[in-house]
Amino acid sequence: MKATFVLLANNELENMGRRIMLEAHKKSKLGFEMARLPHHISLKQPFHIESLEEIENYFDEFVKTLKPIKVILKEVKCYPSSVFGYSSGVMVIEADKSQELQSLHKRLNEELEKIFGECKANFDGDEYIFHMTVAIGGGSFDNYEKALKLLDQQEYDIEVIFNELGLLYYDDDKITPGSYFCYKRVAIV
């Protein structure tokens, strides 16, 4: 099992993400795998867990310590990805690497490790790239690059307030399509 904590998009941002997903698919047949999850910004990539109940208890306490978080979304980019076990791509809207996001990422890593032991995930640390995924898998990286070049708008520079935290659950450590979903949503007040 794996889990991760994410900032969930509001309705306006969710709709924008779905529009970009569809536009990218129409340009280069990328598919709709990302539609399995609500659009979000991960505070940490998926990490192995022993007990969903224990992680959920921590999640419930963690969210009580948060206040709404301002994030600036910058531009659409794509990267190679093999998250599903085959060579493909991922298209994201990168977020400004604010001090607030960096602090939350660091705090989450430190607290999880202190409470649960090693909870290492790919890309943890100072080089972590905050982003909102709009497409993943379903096509070659060449198709991702093609779609990116053909998208109508690649730079956004929009400010969004995130006021909901999500707990994503992955039923297997391989992140097989169809084995994950948003398990829990809680308002940040």
Protein backbone atom coordinates (compact mmCIF):
# COMPACT_ATOMS: atom_id res chain seq x y z
CA MET A 1 0.00 0.00 0.00
CA LYS A 2 1.00 3.58 -0.56
CA ALA A 3 -0.43 6.95 0.37
CA THR A 4 0.23 10.60 -0.19
CA PHE A 5 -1.02 13.95 1.04
CA VAL A 6 -2.18 16.48 -1.55
CA LEU A 7 -3.64 19.94 -1.84
CA LEU A 8 -6.89 19.51 -3.78
CA ALA A 9 -7.85 21.87 -6.60
CA ASN A 10 -10.94 24.05 -6.26
CA ASN A 11 -13.68 23.74 -8.89
CA GLU A 12 -12.25 26.43 -11.17
CA LEU A 13 -8.78 24.85 -11.17
CA GLU A 14 -10.24 21.34 -11.53
CA ASN A 15 -12.12 22.47 -14.63
CA MET A 16 -9.01 24.12 -16.07
CA GLY A 17 -6.99 20.94 -15.50
CA ARG A 18 -9.64 18.80 -17.19
CA ARG A 19 -9.73 21.21 -20.16
CA ILE A 20 -5.95 20.97 -20.58
CA MET A 21 -6.12 17.16 -20.24
CA LEU A 22 -8.71 16.95 -23.01
CA GLU A 23 -6.88 19.43 -25.23
CA ALA A 24 -3.60 17.51 -24.82
CA HIS A 25 -5.39 14.25 -25.59
CA LYS A 26 -6.92 15.69 -28.74
CA LYS A 27 -3.51 16.95 -29.88
CA SER A 28 -1.60 13.73 -29.25
CA LYS A 29 -3.75 10.87 -27.83
CA LEU A 30 -2.43 10.96 -24.24
CA GLY A 31 -5.49 9.36 -22.65
CA PHE A 32 -7.33 10.19 -19.45
CA GLU A 33 -5.46 8.27 -16.74
CA MET A 34 -5.16 11.45 -14.65
CA ALA A 35 -8.96 11.63 -14.50
CA ARG A 36 -8.87 8.84 -11.87
CA LEU A 37 -7.79 11.46 -9.31
CA PRO A 38 -8.93 14.99 -8.59
CA HIS A 39 -6.37 17.56 -9.72
CA HIS A 40 -3.97 18.32 -6.92
CA ILE A 41 -0.53 19.42 -5.83
CA SER A 42 1.27 16.68 -3.97
CA LEU A 43 3.05 17.67 -0.79
CA LYS A 44 4.94 14.36 -1.07
CA GLN A 45 4.99 11.67 -3.71
CA PRO A 46 3.39 8.27 -2.85
CA PHE A 47 5.17 6.43 -0.04
CA HIS A 48 4.78 2.92 1.37
CA ILE A 49 2.48 2.54 4.39
CA GLU A 50 1.82 -0.36 6.72
CA SER A 51 -1.57 0.82 8.01
CA LEU A 52 -4.09 3.09 6.32
CA GLU A 53 -5.80 3.65 9.67
CA GLU A 54 -2.60 4.98 11.28
CA ILE A 55 -1.85 7.27 8.30
CA GLU A 56 -5.44 8.50 8.35
CA ASN A 57 -5.13 9.36 12.06
CA TYR A 58 -1.96 11.35 11.34
CA PHE A 59 -3.65 13.01 8.32
CA ASP A 60 -6.58 14.11 10.53
CA GLU A 61 -4.19 15.77 13.00
CA PHE A 62 -1.93 17.25 10.27
CA VAL A 63 -4.81 19.02 8.50
CA LYS A 64 -5.81 20.75 11.76
CA THR A 65 -2.46 22.56 11.74
CA LEU A 66 -2.85 24.02 8.23
CA LYS A 67 -4.32 27.24 6.96
CA PRO A 68 -5.37 27.88 3.33
CA ILE A 69 -2.30 27.89 1.10
CA LYS A 70 -1.61 30.31 -1.75
CA VAL A 71 0.08 28.70 -4.76
CA ILE A 72 1.17 30.35 -7.99
CA LEU A 73 0.88 28.06 -11.01
CA LYS A 74 3.44 29.01 -13.64
CA GLU A 75 3.64 27.01 -16.86
CA VAL A 76 2.84 23.71 -18.52
CA LYS A 77 5.81 21.35 -18.93
CA CYS A 78 6.30 17.68 -19.68
CA TYR A 79 8.83 15.13 -18.49
CA PRO A 80 9.62 11.47 -19.22
CA SER A 81 7.88 9.09 -16.81
CA SER A 82 7.85 5.37 -16.12
CA VAL A 83 5.50 5.47 -13.11
CA PHE A 84 3.30 2.72 -14.60
CA GLY A 85 6.23 0.47 -15.49
CA TYR A 86 6.57 1.55 -19.12
CA SER A 87 8.23 4.48 -20.85
CA SER A 88 5.83 7.38 -21.25
CA GLY A 89 5.42 10.96 -20.09
CA VAL A 90 3.77 13.29 -17.64
CA MET A 91 2.37 16.77 -18.32
CA VAL A 92 2.18 19.19 -15.42
CA ILE A 93 1.55 22.79 -14.54
CA GLU A 94 4.55 23.68 -12.41
CA ALA A 95 3.96 25.64 -9.23
CA ASP A 96 6.14 28.36 -7.83
CA LYS A 97 8.42 26.80 -5.22
CA SER A 98 7.29 28.98 -2.35
CA GLN A 99 8.78 28.89 1.13
CA GLU A 100 5.39 27.75 2.46
CA LEU A 101 5.25 24.71 0.14
CA GLN A 102 8.87 23.83 0.84
CA SER A 103 8.29 24.05 4.60
CA LEU A 104 5.20 21.82 4.39
CA HIS A 105 7.08 19.25 2.30
CA LYS A 106 10.01 19.22 4.74
CA ARG A 107 7.74 19.08 7.81
CA LEU A 108 5.67 16.24 6.35
CA ASN A 109 8.78 14.20 5.57
CA GLU A 110 10.26 14.77 9.03
CA GLU A 111 7.06 14.03 10.95
CA LEU A 112 6.17 10.94 8.93
CA GLU A 113 9.65 9.50 9.40
CA LYS A 114 9.62 10.27 13.13
CA ILE A 115 6.24 8.57 13.63
CA PHE A 116 6.26 5.76 11.05
CA GLY A 117 9.92 5.15 10.23
CA GLU A 118 11.32 5.52 6.73
CA CYS A 119 8.68 6.97 4.40
CA LYS A 120 10.99 7.87 1.53
CA ALA A 121 9.39 8.68 -1.80
CA ASN A 122 10.84 9.56 -5.17
CA PHE A 123 11.92 13.18 -5.54
CA ASP A 124 11.79 14.04 -1.81
CA GLY A 125 13.96 16.88 -0.62
CA ASP A 126 15.16 20.31 -1.68
CA GLU A 127 14.82 19.56 -5.40
CA TYR A 128 11.15 18.57 -5.10
CA ILE A 129 9.12 20.11 -7.96
CA PHE A 130 5.64 21.18 -6.89
CA HIS A 131 3.18 20.69 -9.73
CA MET A 132 -0.34 19.80 -10.76
CA THR A 133 -0.39 16.79 -13.10
CA VAL A 134 -2.77 17.14 -16.05
CA ALA A 135 -1.81 14.00 -18.01
CA ILE A 136 0.24 10.87 -17.26
CA GLY A 137 0.95 7.65 -19.13
CA GLY A 138 -1.03 6.58 -22.16
CA GLY A 139 1.43 7.76 -24.78
CA SER A 140 5.09 8.06 -25.63
CA PHE A 141 7.16 10.96 -24.36
CA ASP A 142 7.34 12.15 -27.98
CA ASN A 143 3.53 12.45 -27.92
CA TYR A 144 3.77 14.52 -24.74
CA GLU A 145 6.28 16.87 -26.33
CA LYS A 146 4.07 17.14 -29.43
CA ALA A 147 0.98 17.94 -27.34
CA LEU A 148 2.89 20.56 -25.33
CA LYS A 149 3.97 22.37 -28.49
CA LEU A 150 0.39 22.39 -29.79
CA LEU A 151 -1.39 23.54 -26.62
CA ASP A 152 -3.05 26.95 -26.86
CA GLN A 153 -1.66 28.32 -23.60
CA GLN A 154 1.51 27.14 -21.87
CA GLU A 155 2.16 29.91 -19.33
CA TYR A 156 -0.42 30.63 -16.64
CA ASP A 157 1.06 32.59 -13.74
CA ILE A 158 -2.18 32.32 -11.80
CA GLU A 159 -2.63 32.49 -8.04
CA VAL A 160 -4.83 29.82 -6.46
CA ILE A 161 -5.84 29.36 -2.83
CA PHE A 162 -5.91 25.69 -1.81
CA ASN A 163 -8.25 25.05 1.11
CA GLU A 164 -8.70 21.28 1.02
CA LEU A 165 -6.29 18.46 1.85
CA GLY A 166 -6.65 15.03 0.30
CA LEU A 167 -5.36 11.62 1.29
CA LEU A 168 -4.67 9.49 -1.79
CA TYR A 169 -4.57 5.72 -1.39
CA TYR A 170 -2.74 3.22 -3.63
CA ASP A 171 -3.68 -0.42 -3.20
CA ASP A 172 -0.35 -1.71 -4.49
CA ASP A 173 3.18 -0.37 -4.44
CA LYS A 174 3.46 -0.51 -8.23
CA ILE A 175 0.76 2.16 -8.73
CA THR A 176 -1.06 0.04 -11.28
CA PRO A 177 -3.76 1.98 -13.15
CA GLY A 178 -7.10 1.40 -11.43
CA SER A 179 -5.50 0.66 -8.05
CA TYR A 180 -5.64 4.16 -6.55
CA PHE A 181 -8.15 6.86 -5.63
CA CYS A 182 -8.74 9.87 -3.40
CA TYR A 183 -9.65 8.21 -0.12
CA LYS A 184 -10.38 11.27 2.00
CA ARG A 185 -10.93 15.03 1.66
CA VAL A 186 -10.85 17.53 4.53
CA ALA A 187 -11.29 21.30 4.47
CA ILE A 188 -8.36 23.45 5.56
CA VAL A 189 -9.74 26.18 7.82
